[in-house]
Protein backbone atom coordinates (compact mmCIF):
# COMPACT_ATOMS: atom_id res chain seq x y z
CA MET A 1 7.36 -44.99 2.19
CA GLU A 2 9.60 -47.82 3.36
CA PHE A 3 11.65 -47.24 6.52
CA SER A 4 12.14 -48.70 9.97
CA MET A 5 9.41 -47.48 12.31
CA ASP A 6 11.61 -48.39 15.28
CA GLU A 7 14.86 -46.84 14.10
CA GLU A 8 13.56 -43.77 12.22
CA LEU A 9 11.02 -41.04 12.95
CA LEU A 10 10.36 -40.54 9.23
CA ALA A 11 12.26 -41.91 6.26
CA GLY A 12 15.92 -40.94 6.58
CA LEU A 13 15.41 -39.16 9.91
CA PRO A 14 16.79 -40.47 13.22
CA ARG A 15 14.47 -41.85 15.88
CA TYR A 16 13.10 -39.45 18.47
CA GLU A 17 14.54 -39.77 21.96
CA GLY A 18 12.66 -38.53 25.00
CA GLY A 19 9.16 -39.42 23.87
CA VAL A 20 7.01 -42.24 22.49
CA MET A 21 6.84 -42.44 18.70
CA SER A 22 3.42 -43.40 17.34
CA THR A 23 2.93 -46.94 16.12
CA ARG A 24 1.62 -45.74 12.76
CA LEU A 25 2.03 -42.89 10.30
CA TYR A 26 -0.81 -40.53 9.48
CA ASP A 27 -1.42 -39.76 5.81
CA ALA A 28 -1.97 -35.98 5.99
CA GLY A 29 -3.66 -36.02 2.63
CA LEU A 30 -4.28 -34.19 -0.59
CA GLY A 31 -2.34 -31.38 -2.18
CA LEU A 32 -3.32 -29.20 -5.11
CA HIS A 33 -2.05 -31.71 -7.70
CA SER A 34 -3.93 -34.76 -6.44
CA MET A 35 -6.45 -37.19 -7.82
CA TYR A 36 -9.89 -37.36 -6.31
CA ASN A 37 -9.93 -39.83 -3.44
CA ASP A 38 -6.21 -40.49 -4.00
CA GLY A 39 -7.21 -42.73 -6.89
CA LEU A 40 -9.05 -45.12 -4.54
CA VAL A 41 -12.56 -46.43 -5.03
CA ASN A 42 -15.14 -44.57 -2.96
CA ALA A 43 -18.06 -46.92 -2.29
CA PHE A 44 -21.18 -45.81 -0.48
CA GLU A 45 -24.85 -46.63 -0.02
CA CYS A 46 -26.86 -44.43 -2.35
CA PRO A 47 -30.64 -44.88 -2.39
CA GLY A 48 -31.07 -41.63 -4.32
CA PRO A 49 -30.65 -42.25 -8.09
CA GLU A 50 -33.38 -44.48 -9.48
CA VAL A 51 -32.24 -47.62 -11.25
CA GLY A 52 -32.00 -46.74 -14.90
CA LYS A 53 -31.13 -43.10 -14.20
CA LEU A 54 -27.46 -43.50 -13.40
CA GLU A 55 -26.39 -41.74 -16.57
CA ASN A 56 -28.30 -38.66 -15.37
CA MET A 57 -26.50 -38.16 -12.07
CA ASP A 58 -27.31 -34.53 -11.47
CA TYR A 59 -24.17 -33.33 -9.76
CA PHE A 60 -21.93 -34.49 -12.60
CA GLN A 61 -23.91 -32.80 -15.33
CA TYR A 62 -24.07 -29.51 -13.46
CA PHE A 63 -20.26 -29.46 -13.30
CA GLY A 64 -19.95 -29.97 -17.05
CA TYR A 65 -19.45 -33.77 -17.07
CA GLN A 66 -21.29 -35.96 -19.56
CA ALA A 67 -21.98 -39.71 -19.50
CA ASP A 68 -20.44 -41.63 -22.39
CA LYS A 69 -22.23 -44.95 -21.74
CA THR A 70 -25.84 -45.77 -20.95
CA TYR A 71 -27.56 -48.02 -18.48
CA GLU A 72 -28.10 -51.71 -19.23
CA ALA A 73 -31.15 -53.09 -17.45
CA GLY A 74 -30.56 -55.88 -14.96
CA LYS A 75 -26.78 -55.54 -14.79
CA PRO A 76 -24.37 -53.73 -12.48
CA ASN A 77 -23.96 -50.38 -14.15
CA ARG A 78 -20.61 -48.87 -15.05
CA ILE A 79 -20.63 -45.41 -16.59
CA THR A 80 -17.81 -43.00 -17.30
CA PHE A 81 -18.40 -39.28 -16.87
CA SER A 82 -15.96 -36.97 -18.61
CA ASN A 83 -15.45 -33.26 -19.21
CA GLY A 84 -12.87 -33.85 -21.94
CA ARG A 85 -9.90 -33.42 -19.58
CA SER A 86 -10.61 -35.79 -16.71
CA SER A 87 -13.07 -38.60 -16.06
CA PHE A 88 -14.77 -40.58 -13.29
CA ILE A 89 -16.09 -44.15 -13.34
CA VAL A 90 -19.35 -44.58 -11.46
CA THR A 91 -20.66 -48.07 -10.76
CA GLN A 92 -24.06 -48.93 -9.31
CA ASP A 93 -24.91 -52.40 -8.00
CA GLY A 94 -28.24 -52.52 -6.26
CA LYS A 95 -28.37 -49.79 -3.64
CA TYR A 96 -24.60 -49.33 -3.55
CA MET A 97 -22.61 -46.97 -5.68
CA SER A 98 -18.86 -46.51 -6.11
CA MET A 99 -16.87 -43.76 -7.77
CA GLN A 100 -13.26 -43.61 -8.89
CA GLN A 101 -11.29 -41.14 -10.96
CA SER A 102 -10.00 -42.83 -14.10
CA ARG A 103 -8.19 -39.99 -15.85
CA CYS A 104 -6.44 -36.90 -14.52
CA SER A 105 -5.83 -33.68 -16.43
CA TYR A 106 -2.33 -33.18 -15.01
CA GLU A 107 0.76 -35.24 -14.23
CA PRO A 108 2.49 -36.03 -11.99
CA CYS A 109 0.21 -36.19 -8.96
CA ASP A 110 1.33 -35.15 -5.49
CA LYS A 111 2.71 -37.72 -3.10
CA PRO A 112 1.05 -37.87 0.33
CA SER A 113 2.41 -35.80 3.20
CA LEU A 114 3.16 -38.26 6.00
CA GLN A 115 2.99 -37.33 9.69
CA ARG A 116 4.47 -38.99 12.79
CA THR A 117 3.24 -38.17 16.29
CA VAL A 118 5.36 -38.28 19.46
CA THR A 119 3.59 -38.35 22.83
CA ALA A 120 4.88 -37.99 26.41
CA THR A 121 7.58 -35.53 25.38
CA ASP A 122 8.74 -32.07 26.44
CA GLY A 123 10.30 -28.93 25.00
CA LYS A 124 13.84 -29.97 25.86
CA ALA A 125 13.57 -33.26 23.93
CA PHE A 126 11.85 -31.48 21.03
CA MET A 127 14.60 -28.88 20.69
CA ALA A 128 17.27 -31.57 21.00
CA TYR A 129 15.69 -33.35 18.06
CA LEU A 130 15.73 -30.18 15.95
CA GLU A 131 19.41 -29.73 16.79
CA GLY A 132 19.95 -33.30 15.61
CA LEU A 133 18.29 -32.45 12.30
CA GLU A 134 20.54 -29.40 11.97
CA ALA A 135 23.55 -31.67 12.43
CA LEU A 136 22.28 -33.60 9.40
CA GLY A 137 22.19 -30.45 7.28
CA TYR A 138 18.63 -29.25 7.85
CA LYS A 139 18.09 -25.51 8.34
CA ARG A 140 15.44 -23.72 10.36
CA THR A 141 13.78 -21.63 7.68
CA TRP A 142 10.73 -20.50 9.67
CA GLU A 143 9.38 -20.55 13.23
CA ASN A 144 6.39 -19.41 15.27
CA HIS A 145 5.46 -19.55 18.95
CA LEU A 146 1.95 -19.43 20.48
CA GLU A 147 1.32 -19.96 24.20
CA GLY A 148 4.06 -22.51 24.79
CA ASN A 149 3.41 -24.20 21.46
CA ASP A 150 6.42 -24.10 19.14
CA PHE A 151 6.39 -24.50 15.37
CA TYR A 152 9.34 -24.80 12.99
CA GLU A 153 10.01 -25.77 9.42
CA MET A 154 13.27 -27.51 8.68
CA GLU A 155 14.49 -27.68 5.09
CA LYS A 156 17.25 -29.58 3.34
CA ASP A 157 17.53 -29.38 -0.43
CA THR A 158 13.87 -29.65 -1.51
CA ARG A 159 12.61 -31.54 1.55
CA ILE A 160 10.45 -29.72 4.12
CA ILE A 161 9.74 -31.10 7.60
CA HIS A 162 7.06 -29.26 9.57
CA CYS A 163 7.79 -29.65 13.29
CA ALA A 164 5.17 -28.80 15.91
CA PHE A 165 5.45 -29.06 19.69
CA MET A 166 2.19 -28.61 21.59
CA GLY A 167 3.64 -27.61 24.94
CA ARG A 168 0.35 -27.64 26.83
CA LEU A 169 -0.22 -31.26 25.74
CA GLY A 170 3.31 -32.67 25.66
CA ILE A 171 2.87 -33.81 22.06
CA ALA A 172 5.17 -33.30 19.07
CA ARG A 173 4.21 -33.87 15.45
CA PHE A 174 6.48 -34.04 12.42
CA THR A 175 5.11 -33.82 8.89
CA ASP A 176 7.07 -34.64 5.75
CA VAL A 177 5.54 -31.91 3.57
CA ARG A 178 5.60 -33.29 0.03
CA THR A 179 3.18 -30.90 -1.63
CA GLY A 180 3.00 -27.14 -2.03
CA CYS A 181 5.46 -24.39 -1.19
CA SER A 182 7.32 -23.52 1.99
CA ILE A 183 5.81 -21.15 4.54
CA ALA A 184 9.17 -19.34 4.57
CA GLY A 185 8.71 -16.21 2.49
CA PHE A 186 5.01 -16.87 1.98
CA GLY A 187 3.20 -13.53 2.15
CA SER A 188 3.28 -10.04 0.69
CA GLU A 189 4.76 -6.63 1.43
CA PRO A 190 3.41 -4.50 4.31
CA SER A 191 0.82 -1.92 3.41
CA GLU A 192 -1.15 0.85 5.07
CA GLY A 193 -4.91 1.07 4.71
CA THR A 194 -8.10 -0.50 6.01
CA LEU A 195 -9.26 -4.07 6.56
CA GLU A 196 -12.82 -4.79 5.46
CA LEU A 197 -14.76 -8.01 6.01
CA CYS A 198 -17.79 -9.10 4.00
CA GLN A 199 -20.21 -11.86 4.87
CA PHE A 200 -21.66 -12.51 1.43
CA GLY A 201 -25.42 -13.07 1.56
CA LEU A 202 -26.65 -16.44 0.27
CA HIS A 203 -30.04 -18.02 -0.31
CA TYR A 204 -30.71 -20.46 2.55
CA GLY A 205 -33.69 -22.75 3.05
CA TYR A 206 -34.63 -26.23 4.15
CA ASN A 207 -32.61 -28.93 2.40
CA ARG A 208 -34.13 -29.79 -0.97
CA PRO A 209 -31.54 -31.19 -3.43
CA LEU A 210 -31.13 -29.04 -6.54
CA GLN A 211 -33.38 -26.39 -5.04
CA CYS A 212 -31.99 -24.93 -1.82
CA ILE A 213 -29.74 -25.75 1.12
CA ASP A 214 -29.24 -24.80 4.78
CA CYS A 215 -25.45 -24.43 4.65
CA GLY A 216 -22.71 -22.77 2.58
CA MET A 217 -20.63 -19.70 3.36
CA LEU A 218 -18.49 -17.12 1.59
CA TYR A 219 -16.34 -14.42 3.21
CA ILE A 220 -14.41 -11.70 1.40
CA LEU A 221 -11.72 -9.60 3.07
CA LYS A 222 -10.34 -6.42 1.56
CA LEU A 223 -6.73 -6.09 2.69
CA PRO A 224 -4.97 -2.73 3.21
CA ASP A 225 -3.46 -2.90 -0.30
CA ASN A 226 -6.97 -3.36 -1.79
CA SER A 227 -6.34 -6.98 -2.72
CA LEU A 228 -8.90 -9.54 -1.53
CA PHE A 229 -8.66 -12.68 0.59
CA ILE A 230 -11.49 -15.15 -0.05
CA ILE A 231 -12.68 -17.76 2.44
CA ASP A 232 -14.70 -20.75 1.20
CA GLY A 233 -17.75 -20.52 -1.09
CA GLY A 234 -21.38 -21.61 -1.19
CA GLN A 235 -22.98 -24.82 -2.42
CA LEU A 236 -24.21 -25.79 -5.88
CA GLU A 237 -27.78 -24.74 -5.05
CA GLN A 238 -26.54 -21.24 -4.12
CA ALA A 239 -24.25 -20.80 -7.14
CA THR A 240 -26.85 -19.20 -9.38
CA GLN A 241 -26.02 -16.78 -12.17
CA ALA A 242 -27.55 -13.91 -10.20
CA SER A 243 -25.53 -14.73 -7.08
CA MET A 244 -22.27 -14.98 -9.04
CA LYS A 245 -22.89 -11.68 -10.78
CA GLU A 246 -23.46 -10.04 -7.39
CA ALA A 247 -20.30 -11.65 -5.96
CA ILE A 248 -18.22 -10.11 -8.74
CA ARG A 249 -19.90 -6.73 -8.21
CA VAL A 250 -19.12 -6.84 -4.48
CA MET A 251 -15.53 -7.90 -5.13
CA ARG A 252 -15.02 -5.02 -7.52
CA ARG A 253 -16.55 -2.58 -5.06
CA MET A 254 -14.38 -3.80 -2.20
CA SER A 255 -11.13 -4.02 -4.18
CA ARG A 256 -11.77 -0.74 -6.04
CA ALA A 257 -10.82 -2.61 -9.25
CA PRO A 258 -12.45 -0.89 -12.25
CA GLU A 259 -14.15 -2.76 -15.09
CA GLY A 260 -11.55 -4.15 -17.46
CA LYS A 261 -9.01 -4.73 -14.69
CA ARG A 262 -8.61 -8.10 -12.99
CA ILE A 263 -9.63 -8.28 -9.34
CA PRO A 264 -6.51 -9.08 -7.25
CA ILE A 265 -7.05 -12.11 -4.97
CA SER A 266 -4.06 -12.34 -2.61
CA GLY A 267 -5.31 -15.67 -1.35
CA TRP A 268 -8.19 -18.14 -1.33
CA PHE A 269 -8.51 -20.27 1.79
CA CYS A 270 -10.76 -23.32 2.08
CA THR A 271 -11.61 -24.53 5.57
CA HIS A 272 -12.45 -28.09 4.49
CA ALA A 273 -13.43 -30.22 1.50
CA HIS A 274 -17.21 -30.13 1.73
CA ASN A 275 -18.98 -28.97 -1.41
CA ASP A 276 -20.94 -26.20 0.34
CA HIS A 277 -17.57 -24.55 0.95
CA MET A 278 -16.29 -24.93 -2.62
CA ASP A 279 -19.00 -24.97 -5.31
CA MET A 280 -19.44 -21.22 -5.73
CA LEU A 281 -15.73 -20.63 -6.17
CA SER A 282 -15.66 -23.35 -8.84
CA ARG A 283 -18.37 -21.47 -10.71
CA LEU A 284 -16.65 -18.11 -10.24
CA MET A 285 -13.49 -19.55 -11.77
CA MET A 286 -15.36 -21.13 -14.66
CA SER A 287 -17.49 -18.10 -15.49
CA TYR A 288 -15.29 -15.19 -14.40
CA HIS A 289 -11.70 -16.49 -14.39
CA GLN A 290 -10.59 -13.69 -16.73
CA GLU A 291 -11.79 -11.12 -14.19
CA LEU A 292 -10.01 -12.70 -11.20
CA ASP A 293 -6.30 -12.89 -10.43
CA ILE A 294 -5.88 -15.63 -7.79
CA GLN A 295 -2.31 -15.49 -6.52
CA ARG A 296 -2.32 -17.95 -3.60
CA VAL A 297 -4.36 -21.00 -2.63
CA LEU A 298 -4.42 -22.39 0.92
CA PHE A 299 -6.03 -25.56 2.24
CA SER A 300 -5.26 -28.84 3.97
CA PHE A 301 -7.57 -31.65 2.89
CA PRO A 302 -7.18 -35.06 4.56
CA SER A 303 -6.61 -38.34 2.76
CA SER A 304 -9.47 -40.48 1.52
CA LYS A 305 -7.93 -43.23 3.65
CA SER A 306 -9.41 -41.36 6.61
CA PHE A 307 -12.44 -39.61 5.10
CA LYS A 308 -14.56 -39.57 1.97
CA ILE A 309 -13.64 -36.37 0.13
CA ALA A 310 -16.32 -34.54 -1.85
CA PHE A 311 -15.54 -34.97 -5.56
CA GLN A 312 -16.06 -31.21 -5.93
CA ALA A 313 -12.66 -30.83 -4.26
CA TYR A 314 -11.00 -32.36 -7.31
CA ILE A 315 -13.07 -30.22 -9.70
CA LEU A 316 -11.99 -27.14 -7.75
CA MET A 317 -8.32 -28.16 -7.86
CA GLU A 318 -8.53 -28.87 -11.57
CA ARG A 319 -9.92 -25.41 -12.27
CA ILE A 320 -7.29 -23.68 -10.14
CA ILE A 321 -4.58 -25.45 -12.10
CA GLN A 322 -6.32 -24.76 -15.42
CA PHE A 323 -7.00 -21.06 -14.91
CA TYR A 324 -4.30 -20.02 -12.40
CA PRO A 325 -1.25 -22.21 -13.05
CA GLU A 326 1.11 -19.64 -11.48
CA ALA A 327 -0.76 -19.46 -8.15
CA SER A 328 1.26 -20.54 -5.10
CA TYR A 329 -0.21 -23.39 -3.09
CA LEU A 330 0.36 -23.75 0.66
CA LYS A 331 -0.79 -26.89 2.44
CA VAL A 332 -1.57 -25.20 5.73
CA GLN A 333 -0.18 -26.75 8.90
CA SER A 334 -0.97 -26.09 12.54
CA GLY A 335 1.04 -23.07 13.69
CA HIS A 336 1.54 -21.58 10.24
CA SER A 337 1.64 -17.78 10.41
CA PHE A 338 2.13 -15.26 7.60
CA GLN A 339 1.29 -11.70 6.66
CA LEU A 340 -0.46 -10.33 3.60
CA ALA A 341 -0.42 -6.52 3.30
CA SER A 342 0.27 -6.20 7.07
CA VAL A 343 -2.67 -8.47 8.02
CA ARG A 344 -1.62 -11.45 10.15
CA PHE A 345 -2.98 -14.92 9.46
CA ASP A 346 -2.55 -17.69 12.06
CA VAL A 347 -3.52 -21.30 11.40
CA LEU A 348 -4.47 -22.55 14.85
CA GLN A 349 -5.51 -26.08 13.96
CA THR A 350 -5.81 -28.64 11.17
CA HIS A 351 -7.01 -32.24 10.97
CA GLY A 352 -3.51 -33.53 11.82
CA ASP A 353 -3.82 -32.16 15.35
CA SER A 354 -6.08 -34.99 16.47
CA THR A 355 -3.50 -37.77 16.05
CA GLY A 356 -2.25 -39.44 19.24
CA GLU A 357 -0.13 -42.34 20.44
CA HIS A 358 -1.21 -44.61 17.59
CA GLY A 359 -0.67 -41.91 14.97
CA ASP A 360 -3.98 -42.24 13.17
CA GLU A 361 -6.88 -39.81 12.93
CA THR A 362 -9.25 -40.02 15.89
CA ILE A 363 -11.85 -37.27 15.43
CA GLY A 364 -14.14 -39.42 13.32
CA ARG A 365 -16.19 -36.68 11.64
CA PHE A 366 -15.34 -34.85 8.45
CA ASN A 367 -16.45 -31.44 9.69
CA ASP A 368 -13.77 -31.58 12.37
CA THR A 369 -11.12 -31.64 9.62
CA SER A 370 -11.78 -27.91 9.19
CA ALA A 371 -8.69 -25.73 9.46
CA VAL A 372 -9.14 -22.96 12.03
CA LEU A 373 -7.79 -19.55 10.99
CA LYS A 374 -7.38 -16.34 12.99
CA ILE A 375 -7.00 -13.07 11.06
CA SER A 376 -5.69 -10.01 12.92
CA TYR A 377 -5.11 -6.34 12.08
CA ASP A 378 -4.96 -3.12 14.08
CA GLY A 379 -6.13 -4.71 17.32
CA ALA A 380 -9.15 -6.40 15.70
CA SER A 381 -9.49 -10.05 14.74
CA PHE A 382 -11.74 -12.55 12.95
CA LEU A 383 -11.78 -16.20 14.05
CA VAL A 384 -12.78 -18.58 11.24
CA LEU A 385 -14.02 -21.94 12.53
CA GLY A 386 -15.35 -23.61 9.38
CA ASP A 387 -17.56 -26.52 10.43
CA ILE A 388 -15.71 -27.71 13.55
CA ASP A 389 -17.61 -29.70 16.15
CA ASN A 390 -16.91 -30.90 19.69
CA SER A 391 -13.77 -32.94 18.92
CA ALA A 392 -12.00 -29.98 17.36
CA GLN A 393 -13.34 -27.69 20.09
CA ARG A 394 -11.70 -29.89 22.75
CA ILE A 395 -8.35 -29.75 20.95
CA LEU A 396 -8.50 -25.97 20.55
CA LEU A 397 -9.36 -25.40 24.20
CA SER A 398 -6.60 -27.81 25.28
CA SER A 399 -4.01 -26.10 23.08
CA TYR A 400 -4.81 -22.42 23.62
CA THR A 401 -6.36 -20.04 26.14
CA ASP A 402 -8.36 -16.87 25.65
CA LYS A 403 -5.06 -15.09 24.97
CA THR A 404 -5.11 -16.67 21.50
CA LEU A 405 -8.78 -17.52 21.02
CA HIS A 406 -10.26 -14.14 21.99
CA CYS A 407 -11.48 -12.31 18.90
CA THR A 408 -13.47 -9.27 17.81
CA VAL A 409 -15.75 -11.26 15.53
CA ILE A 410 -16.30 -14.99 15.24
CA GLN A 411 -17.75 -17.16 12.48
CA ALA A 412 -20.44 -19.34 14.04
CA ALA A 413 -19.25 -22.90 13.43
CA HIS A 414 -21.04 -25.21 11.01
CA HIS A 415 -23.80 -22.75 10.17
CA LEU A 416 -24.91 -22.83 13.82
CA ILE A 417 -25.69 -26.53 13.48
CA ASN A 418 -23.10 -27.46 16.14
CA LYS A 419 -23.13 -26.52 19.81
CA LEU A 420 -19.83 -24.92 20.84
CA ASP A 421 -20.78 -23.01 23.98
CA GLN A 422 -17.38 -23.47 25.64
CA LEU A 423 -15.39 -22.10 22.71
CA TYR A 424 -17.67 -19.09 22.26
CA ALA A 425 -17.36 -18.31 25.97
CA VAL A 426 -13.54 -18.43 25.86
CA ALA A 427 -13.30 -16.45 22.59
CA ARG A 428 -15.55 -13.69 24.00
CA PRO A 429 -16.34 -12.17 20.58
CA TYR A 430 -17.96 -8.77 20.26
CA ALA A 431 -19.92 -9.90 17.19
CA ALA A 432 -20.76 -13.11 15.35
CA LEU A 433 -21.22 -13.82 11.65
CA VAL A 434 -23.65 -16.68 11.09
CA PRO A 435 -23.61 -18.31 7.63
CA GLN A 436 -27.17 -19.52 7.97
CA SER A 437 -30.83 -18.54 7.74
CA LEU A 438 -32.29 -16.34 10.46
CA HIS A 439 -34.92 -19.04 11.08
CA VAL A 440 -32.47 -20.86 13.40
CA ALA A 441 -32.45 -17.89 15.81
CA ILE A 442 -35.12 -19.21 18.13
CA PHE A 443 -34.74 -19.78 21.86
CA SER A 444 -35.70 -23.45 21.62
CA ASN A 445 -32.61 -24.00 19.44
CA GLU A 446 -29.85 -24.91 21.90
CA LYS A 447 -27.13 -24.01 19.37
CA PHE A 448 -28.50 -20.49 19.02
CA ALA A 449 -28.96 -20.24 22.78
CA GLY A 450 -25.31 -21.22 23.25
CA LEU A 451 -24.11 -18.46 20.95
CA LEU A 452 -26.54 -16.00 22.51
CA ARG A 453 -24.88 -16.43 25.90
CA SER A 454 -21.70 -14.95 24.41
CA VAL A 455 -23.02 -12.58 21.71
CA PRO A 456 -26.32 -10.64 21.98
CA LEU A 457 -28.74 -10.97 19.07
CA GLU A 458 -28.21 -7.37 17.94
CA ARG A 459 -24.56 -8.22 17.24
CA GLN A 460 -25.30 -11.44 15.36
CA TYR A 461 -25.38 -11.09 11.56
CA TYR A 462 -27.09 -13.80 9.48
CA GLY A 463 -26.08 -14.63 5.92
CA SER A 464 -29.67 -15.07 4.74
CA CYS A 465 -30.60 -11.46 5.54
CA SER A 466 -28.10 -9.42 3.55
CA THR A 467 -24.57 -9.01 2.27
CA ASP A 468 -22.79 -7.07 5.01
CA ILE A 469 -19.47 -5.25 4.72
CA PHE A 470 -17.66 -4.27 7.92
CA ARG A 471 -14.50 -2.38 8.80
CA LEU A 472 -12.16 -4.02 11.32
CA ALA A 473 -9.97 -1.45 13.05
CA ALA A 474 -8.81 -0.27 16.47
CA GLY A 475 -10.13 -3.43 18.07
CA ARG A 476 -13.66 -2.83 16.78
CA ILE A 477 -16.03 -3.90 14.03
CA GLU A 478 -18.15 -1.32 12.21
CA LEU A 479 -20.90 -2.00 9.65
CA LEU A 480 -20.15 -0.01 6.49
CA GLU A 481 -22.58 -1.21 3.82
CA ARG A 482 -25.48 -3.59 3.43
CA PHE A 483 -26.90 -5.06 0.21
CA PRO A 484 -29.86 -7.39 -0.42
CA VAL A 485 -29.24 -11.07 -1.13
CA GLU A 486 -29.28 -11.77 -4.88
CA GLY A 487 -30.24 -15.13 -6.35
CA GLY A 488 -32.86 -17.54 -5.09
CA GLU A 489 -33.24 -21.27 -5.56
CA PHE A 490 -30.97 -23.15 -7.95
CA ASP A 491 -31.32 -22.06 -11.59
CA PHE A 492 -30.13 -25.40 -13.06
CA SER A 493 -27.20 -23.85 -14.90
CA VAL A 494 -23.86 -25.56 -15.40
CA ILE A 495 -21.34 -24.32 -12.90
């Protein structure tokens, strides 16, 4: 986007007075209608596939893609994988491999959402800038306030500017939201009933490609109106036919939807674009899309200019568009808050929150791009951390206190692979859900020991042990039902 970085905050918007505008823009990344890797070439060192076996790249074939060219000995290899709607070009030259999407199943593609950061500012200057936007015809269509942090969306015609002021840090961020719908009006009617939370049991083990994996997570919430809210999904190795069949059974049981009636999914939220948080949902949509009614999709994936996005993210987006073209898409932003059936959802952090005076991403690790979500109802709450690590932990603890971070139940971050003692201590959860095998719960494991200081072992629930369904109410969590984990190692079926 061409504009004067000195004279304008974003294209067509006046400069910001009373703070220091960043020297660069941050590309806030993918929307639902985006090409894998933004159409850029993704090159990486790949010692895995043997020379001569490029046409048999396992992950492509298990997602329904077939190679339409074969390997030529002694030459750099260029093969196109296609599923009949979209295609990827994969090139191998020695130990290096590159991948680029060559055909997309939908047009046009989303334009990037660009963000500008302002440092050394205050609330007075921030509000003065919003008043300046109003003078230009922008309207405040939505706002939220959390512990001195103020969030607004300003709209004019079809343009949406997300405005965030982090009062505890003296930082303002402005995002030109060019993909998805507005947060204004996003939600559903109030409803009376119960909130149930399920940690779906998965098969965990030591990492052995195409056999088993030590990560992946899937959470299912039953809202008071009996619709469901889905968070993430397991990895390819966990997406077996038996596991998917059990997931549908549990969803029907929780939603009370009888056979022959579609299961209402009020929303599906993805913390970040790693395949162990997406693959199972891709399979559910492919195998059971006629049984599911996905109404809303929520995620905020960064740009490939900052991080290498898992290609499964594109496959997931393609299937959402193919099977649920009427679903609303919200690119979640820090401070977003909405209600579904009287349950409150607060987005506390996204990858854009780590930009500073230069305006570019500084966290450096993909797991820290996870969006952090707090879900609250009837005095009880569930804090979803995705795979955040120390960088994201520092931002959260700098932006909020225990007033916001305290929760009834917490999702142990990154399958208890990361050490987040400080955050667990501030959140003071009553219980913890751990999307991991119980084998990590040993005292010599400093990550487990860190969680143990905040949550006793009897109130830690591990995803490898069972599928557990809880009720969240009156500030408490109560175990309602427990089912055995279905599905073992990968069954080599197309997902």
